[in-house]
Amino acid sequence: MHLKRIGIFGGTFDPFHLGHFLVARAAIEEANLERLFLVPAARSPFKPEGKSTDDSRRLKWLRLALQGETNCSVDTQELKRGGVSFAIDTVTAYHDAFPQAQLFYLIGADHVPTLYQWREASQLARLVTFLIVPRPGQQPTALKEPFLGQFLKGFPLGVSSSIIRDRIRRGFPISGLVHPKVEEDIVNCPISG
């Protein structure tokens, strides 16, 4: 596979929801990505004590929601590695696999101020261009050197996986917030947390 513009979208995806899907679509369109890889984290460094839904279940939701999306792929490398999932490990793997490609890494705008604290931040800055996802009601913080990137314009949506899990706990509907097949799977076998 010879790709020139590759996007990497990591997260717990617990569950994968419409906001994730719209962010993926905006990234593909605005950065002219040939392929976007969605990489579910084994354990997020931003939620070290957080317990996420079983890996196989999160993978199932991703695959259900991305059926028919020809420019999106699910990559399980972080789940296979286990432990805390660091961006630099995943980005380095993509750089090694696609040395001629330009790599783009999606992050929420709330992570911009702390990028310099990420593991091997200067190496990460050399390897990727960041695609920054706006958060509704939040003023964007400009990227500082050595980081390069662009702010996505499309589809900011005030929904999160934690909001969806809370709605499930409270018995509220999640229709329209997740792919219908993901909703069906959750209704048939509810998640906890």
C-alpha atoms as a PDB file:
ATOM      1  CA  MET A   1       0.000   0.000   0.000  1.00  0.00           C
ATOM      2  CA  HIS A   2       1.580   3.283  -1.126  1.00  0.00           C
ATOM      3  CA  LEU A   3      -0.115   6.159   0.691  1.00  0.00           C
ATOM      4  CA  LYS A   4       1.073   9.762   0.717  1.00  0.00           C
ATOM      5  CA  ARG A   5      -1.253  11.393   3.279  1.00  0.00           C
ATOM      6  CA  ILE A   6      -2.149   9.315   6.322  1.00  0.00           C
ATOM      7  CA  GLY A   7      -4.199  10.325   9.349  1.00  0.00           C
ATOM      8  CA  ILE A   8      -3.944   8.690  12.776  1.00  0.00           C
ATOM      9  CA  PHE A   9      -6.886   9.043  15.155  1.00  0.00           C
ATOM     10  CA  GLY A  10      -6.314   7.487  18.563  1.00  0.00           C
ATOM     11  CA  GLY A  11      -8.673   7.265  21.513  1.00  0.00           C
ATOM     12  CA  THR A  12     -10.484   4.929  23.835  1.00  0.00           C
ATOM     13  CA  PHE A  13     -13.626   5.079  21.645  1.00  0.00           C
ATOM     14  CA  ASP A  14     -15.755   3.951  24.589  1.00  0.00           C
ATOM     15  CA  PRO A  15     -18.122   3.993  22.788  1.00  0.00           C
ATOM     16  CA  PHE A  16     -17.319   5.252  19.291  1.00  0.00           C
ATOM     17  CA  HIS A  17     -19.946   7.951  18.666  1.00  0.00           C
ATOM     18  CA  LEU A  18     -21.224  10.366  16.052  1.00  0.00           C
ATOM     19  CA  GLY A  19     -18.773  13.061  17.185  1.00  0.00           C
ATOM     20  CA  HIS A  20     -15.849  10.692  16.488  1.00  0.00           C
ATOM     21  CA  PHE A  21     -17.309   9.848  13.088  1.00  0.00           C
ATOM     22  CA  LEU A  22     -17.785  13.501  12.128  1.00  0.00           C
ATOM     23  CA  VAL A  23     -14.250  14.365  13.268  1.00  0.00           C
ATOM     24  CA  ALA A  24     -12.929  11.521  11.099  1.00  0.00           C
ATOM     25  CA  ARG A  25     -14.865  12.813   8.119  1.00  0.00           C
ATOM     26  CA  ALA A  26     -13.687  16.418   8.658  1.00  0.00           C
ATOM     27  CA  ALA A  27     -10.064  15.266   8.901  1.00  0.00           C
ATOM     28  CA  ILE A  28     -10.291  13.244   5.689  1.00  0.00           C
ATOM     29  CA  GLU A  29     -11.900  16.105   3.789  1.00  0.00           C
ATOM     30  CA  GLU A  30      -9.975  19.099   5.179  1.00  0.00           C
ATOM     31  CA  ALA A  31      -6.513  17.490   5.212  1.00  0.00           C
ATOM     32  CA  ASN A  32      -7.119  15.554   1.987  1.00  0.00           C
ATOM     33  CA  LEU A  33      -6.207  12.268   3.682  1.00  0.00           C
ATOM     34  CA  GLU A  34      -6.013   9.133   1.579  1.00  0.00           C
ATOM     35  CA  ARG A  35      -6.528   6.934   4.630  1.00  0.00           C
ATOM     36  CA  LEU A  36      -7.450   7.532   8.257  1.00  0.00           C
ATOM     37  CA  PHE A  37      -6.429   4.865  10.753  1.00  0.00           C
ATOM     38  CA  LEU A  38      -8.489   4.725  13.953  1.00  0.00           C
ATOM     39  CA  VAL A  39      -6.328   3.322  16.732  1.00  0.00           C
ATOM     40  CA  PRO A  40      -8.131   2.278  19.917  1.00  0.00           C
ATOM     41  CA  ALA A  41      -5.929   2.764  22.973  1.00  0.00           C
ATOM     42  CA  ALA A  42      -5.108  -0.082  25.322  1.00  0.00           C
ATOM     43  CA  ARG A  43      -4.996   2.485  28.132  1.00  0.00           C
ATOM     44  CA  SER A  44      -5.019   6.236  27.666  1.00  0.00           C
ATOM     45  CA  PRO A  45      -2.249   8.216  29.389  1.00  0.00           C
ATOM     46  CA  PHE A  46      -4.940  10.853  30.034  1.00  0.00           C
ATOM     47  CA  LYS A  47      -7.197   8.397  31.880  1.00  0.00           C
ATOM     48  CA  PRO A  48      -4.683   6.163  33.691  1.00  0.00           C
ATOM     49  CA  GLU A  49      -7.087   5.068  36.426  1.00  0.00           C
ATOM     50  CA  GLY A  50     -10.075   4.852  34.110  1.00  0.00           C
ATOM     51  CA  LYS A  51     -11.511   1.444  33.367  1.00  0.00           C
ATOM     52  CA  SER A  52     -12.716   1.157  29.809  1.00  0.00           C
ATOM     53  CA  THR A  53     -15.105  -1.292  28.240  1.00  0.00           C
ATOM     54  CA  ASP A  54     -13.600  -4.600  27.078  1.00  0.00           C
ATOM     55  CA  ASP A  55     -11.247  -4.220  24.092  1.00  0.00           C
ATOM     56  CA  SER A  56     -13.176  -6.662  21.906  1.00  0.00           C
ATOM     57  CA  ARG A  57     -16.389  -4.722  22.488  1.00  0.00           C
ATOM     58  CA  ARG A  58     -14.783  -1.351  21.627  1.00  0.00           C
ATOM     59  CA  LEU A  59     -13.324  -2.900  18.470  1.00  0.00           C
ATOM     60  CA  LYS A  60     -16.714  -4.304  17.520  1.00  0.00           C
ATOM     61  CA  TRP A  61     -18.295  -0.837  17.846  1.00  0.00           C
ATOM     62  CA  LEU A  62     -15.580   0.756  15.728  1.00  0.00           C
ATOM     63  CA  ARG A  63     -15.991  -1.834  13.000  1.00  0.00           C
ATOM     64  CA  LEU A  64     -19.783  -1.605  13.056  1.00  0.00           C
ATOM     65  CA  ALA A  65     -19.710   2.185  12.803  1.00  0.00           C
ATOM     66  CA  LEU A  66     -17.132   2.239   9.996  1.00  0.00           C
ATOM     67  CA  GLN A  67     -18.775  -0.364   7.739  1.00  0.00           C
ATOM     68  CA  GLY A  68     -18.653   0.908   4.175  1.00  0.00           C
ATOM     69  CA  GLU A  69     -16.143   3.681   4.946  1.00  0.00           C
ATOM     70  CA  THR A  70     -13.469   2.888   2.366  1.00  0.00           C
ATOM     71  CA  ASN A  71     -10.940   5.504   3.522  1.00  0.00           C
ATOM     72  CA  CYS A  72     -11.022   4.480   7.209  1.00  0.00           C
ATOM     73  CA  SER A  73      -9.303   1.481   8.788  1.00  0.00           C
ATOM     74  CA  VAL A  74      -9.133   0.151  12.330  1.00  0.00           C
ATOM     75  CA  ASP A  75      -5.606  -0.502  13.615  1.00  0.00           C
ATOM     76  CA  THR A  76      -5.207  -2.643  16.740  1.00  0.00           C
ATOM     77  CA  GLN A  77      -1.474  -2.074  17.352  1.00  0.00           C
ATOM     78  CA  GLU A  78      -1.989  -0.257  20.692  1.00  0.00           C
ATOM     79  CA  LEU A  79      -4.290  -2.998  21.982  1.00  0.00           C
ATOM     80  CA  LYS A  80      -1.709  -5.629  20.971  1.00  0.00           C
ATOM     81  CA  ARG A  81       1.096  -3.684  22.686  1.00  0.00           C
ATOM     82  CA  GLY A  82      -0.970  -3.320  25.859  1.00  0.00           C
ATOM     83  CA  GLY A  83      -0.162  -1.004  28.751  1.00  0.00           C
ATOM     84  CA  VAL A  84      -0.379   2.764  28.431  1.00  0.00           C
ATOM     85  CA  SER A  85      -0.735   3.882  24.804  1.00  0.00           C
ATOM     86  CA  PHE A  86       1.650   6.693  23.911  1.00  0.00           C
ATOM     87  CA  ALA A  87       1.306   8.623  20.656  1.00  0.00           C
ATOM     88  CA  ILE A  88       5.033   8.463  19.907  1.00  0.00           C
ATOM     89  CA  ASP A  89       5.024   4.649  19.809  1.00  0.00           C
ATOM     90  CA  THR A  90       2.156   4.551  17.335  1.00  0.00           C
ATOM     91  CA  VAL A  91       3.468   7.416  15.209  1.00  0.00           C
ATOM     92  CA  THR A  92       6.920   5.793  15.022  1.00  0.00           C
ATOM     93  CA  ALA A  93       5.314   2.551  13.817  1.00  0.00           C
ATOM     94  CA  TYR A  94       3.508   4.461  11.046  1.00  0.00           C
ATOM     95  CA  HIS A  95       6.669   6.362  10.130  1.00  0.00           C
ATOM     96  CA  ASP A  96       8.538   3.056   9.806  1.00  0.00           C
ATOM     97  CA  ALA A  97       5.755   1.421   7.778  1.00  0.00           C
ATOM     98  CA  PHE A  98       5.149   4.431   5.499  1.00  0.00           C
ATOM     99  CA  PRO A  99       8.461   6.364   5.378  1.00  0.00           C
ATOM    100  CA  GLN A 100       7.437   8.433   2.329  1.00  0.00           C
ATOM    101  CA  ALA A 101       4.015   9.462   3.690  1.00  0.00           C
ATOM    102  CA  GLN A 102       3.081  12.691   5.404  1.00  0.00           C
ATOM    103  CA  LEU A 103       1.549  11.764   8.767  1.00  0.00           C
ATOM    104  CA  PHE A 104      -1.260  13.664  10.470  1.00  0.00           C
ATOM    105  CA  TYR A 105      -2.281  13.065  14.081  1.00  0.00           C
ATOM    106  CA  LEU A 106      -5.693  14.102  15.405  1.00  0.00           C
ATOM    107  CA  ILE A 107      -5.923  15.689  18.848  1.00  0.00           C
ATOM    108  CA  GLY A 108      -8.605  17.558  20.733  1.00  0.00           C
ATOM    109  CA  ALA A 109      -8.014  21.300  21.103  1.00  0.00           C
ATOM    110  CA  ASP A 110      -7.851  20.780  24.881  1.00  0.00           C
ATOM    111  CA  HIS A 111      -4.539  18.892  24.417  1.00  0.00           C
ATOM    112  CA  VAL A 112      -2.751  21.728  22.557  1.00  0.00           C
ATOM    113  CA  PRO A 113      -1.509  23.555  25.701  1.00  0.00           C
ATOM    114  CA  THR A 114       0.102  20.372  27.069  1.00  0.00           C
ATOM    115  CA  LEU A 115       1.637  18.909  23.887  1.00  0.00           C
ATOM    116  CA  TYR A 116       5.130  19.816  25.056  1.00  0.00           C
ATOM    117  CA  GLN A 117       4.593  17.448  28.025  1.00  0.00           C
ATOM    118  CA  TRP A 118       3.818  14.435  25.857  1.00  0.00           C
ATOM    119  CA  ARG A 119       6.354  11.607  25.797  1.00  0.00           C
ATOM    120  CA  GLU A 120       9.144  12.428  23.294  1.00  0.00           C
ATOM    121  CA  ALA A 121       7.282  15.574  22.241  1.00  0.00           C
ATOM    122  CA  SER A 122      10.100  16.978  20.083  1.00  0.00           C
ATOM    123  CA  GLN A 123      10.355  13.716  18.109  1.00  0.00           C
ATOM    124  CA  LEU A 124       6.574  13.654  17.740  1.00  0.00           C
ATOM    125  CA  ALA A 125       6.707  17.222  16.380  1.00  0.00           C
ATOM    126  CA  ARG A 126       9.217  16.113  13.719  1.00  0.00           C
ATOM    127  CA  LEU A 127       7.085  13.175  12.583  1.00  0.00           C
ATOM    128  CA  VAL A 128       3.533  14.530  12.374  1.00  0.00           C
ATOM    129  CA  THR A 129       1.366  17.472  11.507  1.00  0.00           C
ATOM    130  CA  PHE A 130      -1.401  17.812  14.081  1.00  0.00           C
ATOM    131  CA  LEU A 131      -5.044  18.073  13.061  1.00  0.00           C
ATOM    132  CA  ILE A 132      -6.739  19.858  15.919  1.00  0.00           C
ATOM    133  CA  VAL A 133     -10.357  19.096  16.700  1.00  0.00           C
ATOM    134  CA  PRO A 134     -12.278  22.112  18.018  1.00  0.00           C
ATOM    135  CA  ARG A 135     -14.280  21.715  21.200  1.00  0.00           C
ATOM    136  CA  PRO A 136     -17.673  23.433  21.280  1.00  0.00           C
ATOM    137  CA  GLY A 137     -17.542  26.648  23.312  1.00  0.00           C
ATOM    138  CA  GLN A 138     -13.777  26.523  23.738  1.00  0.00           C
ATOM    139  CA  GLN A 139     -11.396  29.135  22.337  1.00  0.00           C
ATOM    140  CA  PRO A 140      -8.568  27.459  20.405  1.00  0.00           C
ATOM    141  CA  THR A 141      -5.021  27.751  21.715  1.00  0.00           C
ATOM    142  CA  ALA A 142      -2.399  28.330  19.021  1.00  0.00           C
ATOM    143  CA  LEU A 143       0.236  25.668  18.446  1.00  0.00           C
ATOM    144  CA  LYS A 144       3.714  26.686  19.521  1.00  0.00           C
ATOM    145  CA  GLU A 145       6.982  25.654  17.923  1.00  0.00           C
ATOM    146  CA  PRO A 146       8.139  23.021  17.220  1.00  0.00           C
ATOM    147  CA  PHE A 147       4.582  21.746  16.616  1.00  0.00           C
ATOM    148  CA  LEU A 148       2.857  22.225  13.265  1.00  0.00           C
ATOM    149  CA  GLY A 149      -0.777  21.717  12.473  1.00  0.00           C
ATOM    150  CA  GLN A 150      -4.124  22.974  11.368  1.00  0.00           C
ATOM    151  CA  PHE A 151      -7.428  23.446  13.126  1.00  0.00           C
ATOM    152  CA  LEU A 152     -10.293  21.496  11.625  1.00  0.00           C
ATOM    153  CA  LYS A 153     -13.341  23.577  10.837  1.00  0.00           C
ATOM    154  CA  GLY A 154     -16.056  21.005  10.371  1.00  0.00           C
ATOM    155  CA  PHE A 155     -18.480  19.275  12.629  1.00  0.00           C
ATOM    156  CA  PRO A 156     -17.707  20.216  16.246  1.00  0.00           C
ATOM    157  CA  LEU A 157     -20.268  18.349  18.311  1.00  0.00           C
ATOM    158  CA  GLY A 158     -20.816  18.577  22.050  1.00  0.00           C
ATOM    159  CA  VAL A 159     -20.995  14.855  22.694  1.00  0.00           C
ATOM    160  CA  SER A 160     -18.493  12.588  24.403  1.00  0.00           C
ATOM    161  CA  SER A 161     -18.198   8.930  25.294  1.00  0.00           C
ATOM    162  CA  SER A 162     -18.567   9.792  28.992  1.00  0.00           C
ATOM    163  CA  ILE A 163     -21.858  11.619  28.278  1.00  0.00           C
ATOM    164  CA  ILE A 164     -23.110   8.576  26.376  1.00  0.00           C
ATOM    165  CA  ARG A 165     -22.095   6.185  29.189  1.00  0.00           C
ATOM    166  CA  ASP A 166     -23.891   8.461  31.663  1.00  0.00           C
ATOM    167  CA  ARG A 167     -27.043   8.436  29.505  1.00  0.00           C
ATOM    168  CA  ILE A 168     -26.902   4.632  29.389  1.00  0.00           C
ATOM    169  CA  ARG A 169     -26.512   4.422  33.200  1.00  0.00           C
ATOM    170  CA  ARG A 170     -29.491   6.737  33.652  1.00  0.00           C
ATOM    171  CA  GLY A 171     -31.642   4.828  31.159  1.00  0.00           C
ATOM    172  CA  PHE A 172     -31.750   7.700  28.632  1.00  0.00           C
ATOM    173  CA  PRO A 173     -31.774   7.044  24.875  1.00  0.00           C
ATOM    174  CA  ILE A 174     -28.582   7.311  22.839  1.00  0.00           C
ATOM    175  CA  SER A 175     -30.269   7.343  19.413  1.00  0.00           C
ATOM    176  CA  GLY A 176     -28.565   9.754  17.045  1.00  0.00           C
ATOM    177  CA  LEU A 177     -25.417   9.841  19.189  1.00  0.00           C
ATOM    178  CA  VAL A 178     -23.942   6.541  18.023  1.00  0.00           C
ATOM    179  CA  HIS A 179     -24.245   4.473  14.845  1.00  0.00           C
ATOM    180  CA  PRO A 180     -27.542   2.503  14.902  1.00  0.00           C
ATOM    181  CA  LYS A 181     -25.672  -0.838  14.929  1.00  0.00           C
ATOM    182  CA  VAL A 182     -23.567   0.324  17.897  1.00  0.00           C
ATOM    183  CA  GLU A 183     -26.755   1.376  19.708  1.00  0.00           C
ATOM    184  CA  GLU A 184     -28.314  -2.011  18.984  1.00  0.00           C
ATOM    185  CA  ASP A 185     -25.263  -3.801  20.392  1.00  0.00           C
ATOM    186  CA  ILE A 186     -25.298  -1.648  23.548  1.00  0.00           C
ATOM    187  CA  VAL A 187     -29.031  -2.148  24.072  1.00  0.00           C
ATOM    188  CA  ASN A 188     -28.673  -5.935  23.636  1.00  0.00           C
ATOM    189  CA  CYS A 189     -25.706  -6.132  26.008  1.00  0.00           C
ATOM    190  CA  PRO A 190     -25.430  -2.968  28.163  1.00  0.00           C
ATOM    191  CA  ILE A 191     -22.064  -1.535  29.166  1.00  0.00           C
ATOM    192  CA  SER A 192     -21.131  -0.544  32.679  1.00  0.00           C
ATOM    193  CA  GLY A 193     -19.286   2.564  33.881  1.00  0.00           C
END
